[in-house]
C-alpha atoms as a PDB file:
ATOM      1  CA  MET A   1     148.068  98.010  58.476  1.00  0.00           C
ATOM      2  CA  GLY A   2     149.643  94.997  56.872  1.00  0.00           C
ATOM      3  CA  GLY A   3     151.032  94.657  53.403  1.00  0.00           C
ATOM      4  CA  PHE A   4     150.049  91.835  51.107  1.00  0.00           C
ATOM      5  CA  LEU A   5     151.924  89.602  48.703  1.00  0.00           C
ATOM      6  CA  LEU A   6     150.319  88.839  45.375  1.00  0.00           C
ATOM      7  CA  VAL A   7     150.438  85.170  44.467  1.00  0.00           C
ATOM      8  CA  LEU A   8     149.846  84.199  40.846  1.00  0.00           C
ATOM      9  CA  GLN A   9     149.100  80.667  39.740  1.00  0.00           C
ATOM     10  CA  LEU A  10     148.854  79.570  36.102  1.00  0.00           C
ATOM     11  CA  GLN A  11     146.736  76.891  34.492  1.00  0.00           C
ATOM     12  CA  THR A  12     148.410  74.872  31.857  1.00  0.00           C
ATOM     13  CA  GLN A  13     148.696  71.314  30.779  1.00  0.00           C
ATOM     14  CA  VAL A  14     151.948  69.568  30.152  1.00  0.00           C
ATOM     15  CA  PRO A  15     152.329  66.496  27.938  1.00  0.00           C
ATOM     16  CA  GLY A  16     152.615  63.388  30.094  1.00  0.00           C
ATOM     17  CA  GLY A  17     153.068  59.717  29.424  1.00  0.00           C
ATOM     18  CA  GLN A  18     149.351  58.884  29.106  1.00  0.00           C
ATOM     19  CA  GLY A  19     147.756  62.204  28.404  1.00  0.00           C
ATOM     20  CA  LEU A  20     147.957  65.677  29.884  1.00  0.00           C
ATOM     21  CA  ILE A  21     148.833  66.543  33.502  1.00  0.00           C
ATOM     22  CA  PRO A  22     146.731  69.462  34.813  1.00  0.00           C
ATOM     23  CA  VAL A  23     148.473  72.205  36.769  1.00  0.00           C
ATOM     24  CA  PRO A  24     146.416  74.217  39.324  1.00  0.00           C
ATOM     25  CA  PRO A  25     144.002  76.722  37.708  1.00  0.00           C
ATOM     26  CA  PHE A  26     144.909  80.354  37.087  1.00  0.00           C
ATOM     27  CA  SER A  27     144.019  82.463  40.104  1.00  0.00           C
ATOM     28  CA  TRP A  28     144.926  85.604  42.027  1.00  0.00           C
ATOM     29  CA  SER A  29     145.089  85.644  45.783  1.00  0.00           C
ATOM     30  CA  LEU A  30     146.271  88.009  48.455  1.00  0.00           C
ATOM     31  CA  VAL A  31     148.455  86.416  51.086  1.00  0.00           C
ATOM     32  CA  PRO A  32     149.205  88.322  54.285  1.00  0.00           C
ATOM     33  CA  PRO A  33     152.913  88.640  55.039  1.00  0.00           C
ATOM     34  CA  THR A  34     154.216  86.080  57.478  1.00  0.00           C
ATOM     35  CA  ASN A  35     156.643  88.448  59.159  1.00  0.00           C
ATOM     36  CA  SER A  36     154.612  90.624  61.533  1.00  0.00           C
ATOM     37  CA  VAL A  37     157.795  91.524  63.422  1.00  0.00           C
ATOM     38  CA  VAL A  38     158.508  94.259  60.852  1.00  0.00           C
ATOM     39  CA  LEU A  39     155.005  95.688  61.222  1.00  0.00           C
ATOM     40  CA  ASP A  40     155.313  95.643  65.021  1.00  0.00           C
ATOM     41  CA  LYS A  41     158.594  97.576  64.787  1.00  0.00           C
ATOM     42  CA  ILE A  42     156.993 100.152  62.486  1.00  0.00           C
ATOM     43  CA  ASP A  43     154.126 100.561  64.982  1.00  0.00           C
ATOM     44  CA  LYS A  44     156.564 101.022  67.879  1.00  0.00           C
ATOM     45  CA  TYR A  45     158.671 103.594  65.990  1.00  0.00           C
ATOM     46  CA  ALA A  46     155.569 105.523  64.911  1.00  0.00           C
ATOM     47  CA  GLN A  47     154.186 105.576  68.460  1.00  0.00           C
ATOM     48  CA  ARG A  48     157.544 106.647  69.878  1.00  0.00           C
ATOM     49  CA  ASP A  49     157.820 109.532  67.393  1.00  0.00           C
ATOM     50  CA  LEU A  50     154.231 110.618  68.010  1.00  0.00           C
ATOM     51  CA  LYS A  51     154.855 110.649  71.776  1.00  0.00           C
ATOM     52  CA  LYS A  52     157.934 112.837  71.210  1.00  0.00           C
ATOM     53  CA  GLY A  53     155.751 115.139  69.121  1.00  0.00           C
ATOM     54  CA  LEU A  54     153.285 115.558  71.994  1.00  0.00           C
ATOM     55  CA  HIS A  55     155.926 117.697  73.734  1.00  0.00           C
ATOM     56  CA  LEU A  56     155.519 120.296  70.958  1.00  0.00           C
ATOM     57  CA  TYR A  57     151.779 120.622  71.658  1.00  0.00           C
ATOM     58  CA  GLY A  58     150.845 124.206  72.466  1.00  0.00           C
ATOM     59  CA  THR A  59     154.358 125.581  71.907  1.00  0.00           C
ATOM     60  CA  ASP A  60     155.200 128.623  69.801  1.00  0.00           C
ATOM     61  CA  GLY A  61     155.382 127.916  66.082  1.00  0.00           C
ATOM     62  CA  ASN A  62     153.486 124.624  66.352  1.00  0.00           C
ATOM     63  CA  ILE A  63     149.897 125.758  65.907  1.00  0.00           C
ATOM     64  CA  GLY A  64     149.365 123.201  63.096  1.00  0.00           C
ATOM     65  CA  LEU A  65     150.476 120.298  65.281  1.00  0.00           C
ATOM     66  CA  THR A  66     148.423 121.613  68.194  1.00  0.00           C
ATOM     67  CA  ASN A  67     145.323 121.948  66.037  1.00  0.00           C
ATOM     68  CA  ALA A  68     145.868 118.505  64.493  1.00  0.00           C
ATOM     69  CA  TRP A  69     146.022 116.819  67.915  1.00  0.00           C
ATOM     70  CA  SER A  70     142.994 118.764  69.119  1.00  0.00           C
ATOM     71  CA  ILE A  71     140.952 117.784  66.062  1.00  0.00           C
ATOM     72  CA  ILE A  72     142.026 114.120  66.181  1.00  0.00           C
ATOM     73  CA  GLN A  73     141.250 113.775  69.888  1.00  0.00           C
ATOM     74  CA  THR A  74     137.888 115.499  69.547  1.00  0.00           C
ATOM     75  CA  ASP A  75     136.732 113.786  66.337  1.00  0.00           C
ATOM     76  CA  PHE A  76     138.024 110.295  67.153  1.00  0.00           C
ATOM     77  CA  ARG A  77     137.089 110.544  70.842  1.00  0.00           C
ATOM     78  CA  CYS A  78     140.522 109.443  71.981  1.00  0.00           C
ATOM     79  CA  CYS A  79     143.323 110.820  74.129  1.00  0.00           C
ATOM     80  CA  GLY A  80     147.094 110.535  73.739  1.00  0.00           C
ATOM     81  CA  VAL A  81     149.033 108.119  71.588  1.00  0.00           C
ATOM     82  CA  SER A  82     148.719 104.991  73.777  1.00  0.00           C
ATOM     83  CA  ASN A  83     146.329 106.481  76.353  1.00  0.00           C
ATOM     84  CA  TYR A  84     145.677 109.673  78.285  1.00  0.00           C
ATOM     85  CA  THR A  85     148.696 109.135  80.567  1.00  0.00           C
ATOM     86  CA  ASP A  86     150.947 110.096  77.614  1.00  0.00           C
ATOM     87  CA  TRP A  87     150.027 113.703  78.389  1.00  0.00           C
ATOM     88  CA  PHE A  88     151.210 113.450  82.013  1.00  0.00           C
ATOM     89  CA  GLU A  89     154.854 113.541  80.796  1.00  0.00           C
ATOM     90  CA  VAL A  90     154.127 116.566  78.613  1.00  0.00           C
ATOM     91  CA  TYR A  91     152.562 118.612  81.417  1.00  0.00           C
ATOM     92  CA  ASN A  92     154.568 117.013  84.271  1.00  0.00           C
ATOM     93  CA  THR A  93     151.300 116.593  86.143  1.00  0.00           C
ATOM     94  CA  THR A  94     148.011 114.677  85.994  1.00  0.00           C
ATOM     95  CA  ARG A  95     146.462 116.697  83.204  1.00  0.00           C
ATOM     96  CA  VAL A  96     145.427 116.409  79.545  1.00  0.00           C
ATOM     97  CA  PRO A  97     144.459 118.932  76.837  1.00  0.00           C
ATOM     98  CA  ASP A  98     140.839 120.029  76.906  1.00  0.00           C
ATOM     99  CA  SER A  99     140.316 118.180  73.592  1.00  0.00           C
ATOM    100  CA  CYS A 100     140.520 114.912  75.590  1.00  0.00           C
ATOM    101  CA  CYS A 101     137.417 115.732  77.626  1.00  0.00           C
ATOM    102  CA  LEU A 102     134.177 113.809  77.225  1.00  0.00           C
ATOM    103  CA  GLU A 103     132.354 117.132  77.535  1.00  0.00           C
ATOM    104  CA  PHE A 104     134.425 120.112  76.465  1.00  0.00           C
ATOM    105  CA  SER A 105     134.745 123.060  78.807  1.00  0.00           C
ATOM    106  CA  GLU A 106     137.561 125.449  79.644  1.00  0.00           C
ATOM    107  CA  ASN A 107     140.248 123.664  81.729  1.00  0.00           C
ATOM    108  CA  CYS A 108     138.305 120.376  81.768  1.00  0.00           C
ATOM    109  CA  GLY A 109     141.655 118.639  81.230  1.00  0.00           C
ATOM    110  CA  LEU A 110     142.505 119.432  84.856  1.00  0.00           C
ATOM    111  CA  HIS A 111     139.658 117.290  86.192  1.00  0.00           C
ATOM    112  CA  SER A 112     139.713 113.581  86.989  1.00  0.00           C
ATOM    113  CA  PRO A 113     140.467 110.843  84.423  1.00  0.00           C
ATOM    114  CA  GLY A 114     136.816 109.790  84.577  1.00  0.00           C
ATOM    115  CA  THR A 115     135.988 112.876  82.482  1.00  0.00           C
ATOM    116  CA  TRP A 116     138.508 112.072  79.688  1.00  0.00           C
ATOM    117  CA  TRP A 117     138.434 109.861  76.603  1.00  0.00           C
ATOM    118  CA  LYS A 118     140.057 106.488  77.325  1.00  0.00           C
ATOM    119  CA  ALA A 119     140.675 105.221  73.772  1.00  0.00           C
ATOM    120  CA  PRO A 120     144.250 105.438  72.404  1.00  0.00           C
ATOM    121  CA  CYS A 121     144.456 107.740  69.377  1.00  0.00           C
ATOM    122  CA  TYR A 122     147.100 105.676  67.584  1.00  0.00           C
ATOM    123  CA  GLU A 123     145.003 102.498  67.464  1.00  0.00           C
ATOM    124  CA  THR A 124     141.741 104.385  66.869  1.00  0.00           C
ATOM    125  CA  VAL A 125     143.105 106.289  63.845  1.00  0.00           C
ATOM    126  CA  LYS A 126     144.927 103.178  62.566  1.00  0.00           C
ATOM    127  CA  ILE A 127     141.669 101.180  62.600  1.00  0.00           C
ATOM    128  CA  TRP A 128     139.822 104.029  60.870  1.00  0.00           C
ATOM    129  CA  LEU A 129     142.489 104.188  58.146  1.00  0.00           C
ATOM    130  CA  GLN A 130     142.316 100.415  57.636  1.00  0.00           C
ATOM    131  CA  GLU A 131     138.529 100.548  57.299  1.00  0.00           C
ATOM    132  CA  ASN A 132     138.652 103.534  54.946  1.00  0.00           C
ATOM    133  CA  LEU A 133     141.811 102.738  52.982  1.00  0.00           C
ATOM    134  CA  LEU A 134     140.034 102.579  49.631  1.00  0.00           C
ATOM    135  CA  ALA A 135     138.371 105.972  50.123  1.00  0.00           C
ATOM    136  CA  VAL A 136     141.617 107.540  51.368  1.00  0.00           C
ATOM    137  CA  GLY A 137     143.491 106.102  48.380  1.00  0.00           C
ATOM    138  CA  ILE A 138     140.910 107.340  45.875  1.00  0.00           C
ATOM    139  CA  PHE A 139     140.945 110.788  47.482  1.00  0.00           C
ATOM    140  CA  GLY A 140     144.752 110.903  47.300  1.00  0.00           C
ATOM    141  CA  LEU A 141     144.746 109.774  43.676  1.00  0.00           C
ATOM    142  CA  CYS A 142     142.104 112.359  42.715  1.00  0.00           C
ATOM    143  CA  THR A 143     144.028 115.099  44.512  1.00  0.00           C
ATOM    144  CA  ALA A 144     147.205 114.141  42.637  1.00  0.00           C
ATOM    145  CA  MET A 145     145.357 114.127  39.309  1.00  0.00           C
ATOM    146  CA  VAL A 146     143.899 117.591  39.955  1.00  0.00           C
ATOM    147  CA  GLN A 147     147.353 118.917  40.830  1.00  0.00           C
ATOM    148  CA  VAL A 148     148.877 117.438  37.668  1.00  0.00           C
ATOM    149  CA  GLN A 149     146.070 118.905  35.541  1.00  0.00           C
ATOM    150  CA  PHE A 150     146.513 122.281  37.231  1.00  0.00           C
ATOM    151  CA  ASN A 151     150.261 122.207  36.519  1.00  0.00           C
ATOM    152  CA  ILE A 152     149.660 121.286  32.867  1.00  0.00           C
ATOM    153  CA  ASN A 153     147.138 124.117  32.453  1.00  0.00           C
ATOM    154  CA  PHE A 154     149.489 126.537  34.194  1.00  0.00           C
ATOM    155  CA  GLN A 155     152.369 125.559  31.889  1.00  0.00           C
ATOM    156  CA  ILE A 156     150.157 125.971  28.818  1.00  0.00           C
ATOM    157  CA  LEU A 157     148.974 129.400  29.939  1.00  0.00           C
ATOM    158  CA  THR A 158     152.460 130.675  30.823  1.00  0.00           C
ATOM    159  CA  ASN A 159     153.920 129.502  27.481  1.00  0.00           C
ATOM    160  CA  CYS A 160     151.148 131.057  25.352  1.00  0.00           C
ATOM    161  CA  LYS A 161     152.561 134.477  24.491  1.00  0.00           C
END
């Protein structure tokens, strides 16, 4: 997901020797950043951290992380951060969680790779977020506004004595 630089150009006319010299018209434009090296580093760090987090899958006290990975892999039809082999390090064997299976069944993650999702979850979710950025942003903004309104109402109610 790349950032954008906002470029602003003004339209004006400056007195010249034989009349007015036009300057380019006023316009707004979004220019993608030229330095993709930073974005590549962010991607690599995020993938590295997510792969470290896979080792917490199914461990005591990490039910939220376990459920999140299960839901992501099932809903996005993907497996692992980069691919299903990410799970081989976690289990120290050729195996994936059952949420990686094309057709879910108990212990289906022990079967052959032909029965598992092939898509990488990192790229799949990243593409989904890019395509739905506006909706995600509006949802986040609405959630924040509701929380602020709730806090204001709570403060009013607790100070009315």
